[in-house]
Amino acid sequence: MKFYESCPVLKADTDDQRASRLKLCDLAARTLRIGLNLLGIRTVERM
């Protein structure tokens, strides 16, 4: 939550910042999905 408060993703100052932050969010989501899958926990596609 702190990341979104201090580094707004969709309201970033520049297009490069927005793209970088979107990629970081995507990679974090993939990592969480893989980790939860390894533990046998199903995830939802969208919240």
N, C-alpha and C. Protein backbone atom coordinates (compact mmCIF):
# COMPACT_ATOMS: atom_id res chain seq x y z
N MET A 1 0.82 -1.19 0.00
CA MET A 1 0.00 0.00 0.00
C MET A 1 0.86 1.26 0.00
N LYS A 2 1.97 1.22 0.69
CA LYS A 2 2.84 2.40 0.73
C LYS A 2 3.38 2.75 -0.65
N PHE A 3 3.65 1.72 -1.46
CA PHE A 3 4.15 1.95 -2.81
C PHE A 3 3.14 2.79 -3.61
N TYR A 4 1.87 2.41 -3.56
CA TYR A 4 0.85 3.13 -4.32
C TYR A 4 0.64 4.54 -3.80
N GLU A 5 0.82 4.74 -2.49
CA GLU A 5 0.66 6.07 -1.92
C GLU A 5 1.80 7.00 -2.33
N SER A 6 3.02 6.48 -2.32
CA SER A 6 4.18 7.34 -2.61
C SER A 6 4.56 7.37 -4.09
N CYS A 7 4.14 6.36 -4.84
CA CYS A 7 4.47 6.28 -6.27
C CYS A 7 3.21 5.97 -7.07
N PRO A 8 2.38 6.95 -7.34
CA PRO A 8 1.17 6.66 -8.10
C PRO A 8 1.50 6.06 -9.46
N VAL A 9 0.81 5.00 -9.80
CA VAL A 9 1.12 4.28 -11.02
C VAL A 9 0.49 4.94 -12.24
N LEU A 10 -0.80 5.07 -12.24
CA LEU A 10 -1.49 5.61 -13.41
C LEU A 10 -1.38 7.13 -13.51
N LYS A 11 -1.07 7.79 -12.42
CA LYS A 11 -0.93 9.25 -12.43
C LYS A 11 0.54 9.66 -12.30
N ALA A 12 1.43 8.85 -12.85
CA ALA A 12 2.86 9.15 -12.81
C ALA A 12 3.15 10.42 -13.61
N ASP A 13 4.26 11.05 -13.27
CA ASP A 13 4.62 12.31 -13.92
C ASP A 13 4.94 12.16 -15.40
N THR A 14 5.60 11.05 -15.75
CA THR A 14 6.00 10.85 -17.15
C THR A 14 5.51 9.49 -17.64
N ASP A 15 5.48 9.34 -18.95
CA ASP A 15 5.09 8.06 -19.55
C ASP A 15 6.07 6.95 -19.18
N ASP A 16 7.36 7.29 -19.11
CA ASP A 16 8.37 6.30 -18.74
C ASP A 16 8.17 5.81 -17.31
N GLN A 17 7.84 6.72 -16.41
CA GLN A 17 7.58 6.34 -15.02
C GLN A 17 6.36 5.42 -14.95
N ARG A 18 5.32 5.79 -15.66
CA ARG A 18 4.10 4.98 -15.64
C ARG A 18 4.38 3.57 -16.17
N ALA A 19 5.10 3.48 -17.29
CA ALA A 19 5.41 2.17 -17.87
C ALA A 19 6.27 1.34 -16.92
N SER A 20 7.23 1.98 -16.29
CA SER A 20 8.11 1.28 -15.35
C SER A 20 7.33 0.77 -14.14
N ARG A 21 6.45 1.59 -13.61
CA ARG A 21 5.67 1.20 -12.44
C ARG A 21 4.64 0.13 -12.78
N LEU A 22 4.06 0.20 -13.97
CA LEU A 22 3.14 -0.84 -14.40
C LEU A 22 3.87 -2.18 -14.53
N LYS A 23 5.07 -2.14 -15.07
CA LYS A 23 5.86 -3.37 -15.22
C LYS A 23 6.20 -3.94 -13.84
N LEU A 24 6.57 -3.07 -12.90
CA LEU A 24 6.87 -3.52 -11.55
C LEU A 24 5.65 -4.16 -10.90
N CYS A 25 4.48 -3.57 -11.08
CA CYS A 25 3.25 -4.15 -10.54
C CYS A 25 2.96 -5.50 -11.17
N ASP A 26 3.16 -5.61 -12.47
CA ASP A 26 2.94 -6.88 -13.17
C ASP A 26 3.88 -7.96 -12.65
N LEU A 27 5.15 -7.62 -12.47
CA LEU A 27 6.11 -8.60 -11.97
C LEU A 27 5.80 -9.02 -10.53
N ALA A 28 5.36 -8.08 -9.72
CA ALA A 28 4.98 -8.41 -8.34
C ALA A 28 3.78 -9.34 -8.33
N ALA A 29 2.80 -9.08 -9.19
CA ALA A 29 1.61 -9.94 -9.27
C ALA A 29 1.98 -11.34 -9.73
N ARG A 30 2.86 -11.44 -10.70
CA ARG A 30 3.31 -12.76 -11.17
C ARG A 30 4.02 -13.53 -10.07
N THR A 31 4.88 -12.84 -9.34
CA THR A 31 5.63 -13.47 -8.25
C THR A 31 4.68 -13.98 -7.17
N LEU A 32 3.71 -13.16 -6.80
CA LEU A 32 2.72 -13.58 -5.80
C LEU A 32 1.91 -14.77 -6.30
N ARG A 33 1.49 -14.74 -7.56
CA ARG A 33 0.70 -15.82 -8.13
C ARG A 33 1.48 -17.13 -8.11
N ILE A 34 2.74 -17.09 -8.50
CA ILE A 34 3.57 -18.30 -8.52
C ILE A 34 3.78 -18.82 -7.10
N GLY A 35 4.08 -17.91 -6.17
CA GLY A 35 4.31 -18.31 -4.79
C GLY A 35 3.07 -18.95 -4.17
N LEU A 36 1.92 -18.33 -4.38
CA LEU A 36 0.68 -18.88 -3.84
C LEU A 36 0.34 -20.21 -4.50
N ASN A 37 0.60 -20.32 -5.79
CA ASN A 37 0.35 -21.57 -6.50
C ASN A 37 1.22 -22.70 -5.93
N LEU A 38 2.45 -22.40 -5.60
CA LEU A 38 3.33 -23.40 -5.00
C LEU A 38 2.81 -23.88 -3.65
N LEU A 39 2.11 -23.01 -2.96
CA LEU A 39 1.52 -23.36 -1.67
C LEU A 39 0.15 -24.01 -1.82
N GLY A 40 -0.34 -24.12 -3.05
CA GLY A 40 -1.63 -24.73 -3.29
C GLY A 40 -2.80 -23.79 -3.09
N ILE A 41 -2.54 -22.49 -3.12
CA ILE A 41 -3.59 -21.49 -2.92
C ILE A 41 -3.98 -20.92 -4.27
N ARG A 42 -5.25 -21.02 -4.59
CA ARG A 42 -5.73 -20.47 -5.87
C ARG A 42 -5.87 -18.96 -5.79
N THR A 43 -5.64 -18.30 -6.90
CA THR A 43 -5.77 -16.84 -6.94
C THR A 43 -6.87 -16.46 -7.93
N VAL A 44 -7.40 -15.26 -7.76
CA VAL A 44 -8.39 -14.74 -8.70
C VAL A 44 -7.67 -13.96 -9.79
N GLU A 45 -8.29 -13.87 -10.93
CA GLU A 45 -7.69 -13.14 -12.04
C GLU A 45 -7.74 -11.63 -11.82
N ARG A 46 -8.83 -11.17 -11.22
CA ARG A 46 -9.01 -9.73 -11.07
C ARG A 46 -9.77 -9.45 -9.79
N MET A 47 -9.41 -8.36 -9.14
CA MET A 47 -10.11 -7.99 -7.91
C MET A 47 -10.90 -6.71 -8.14
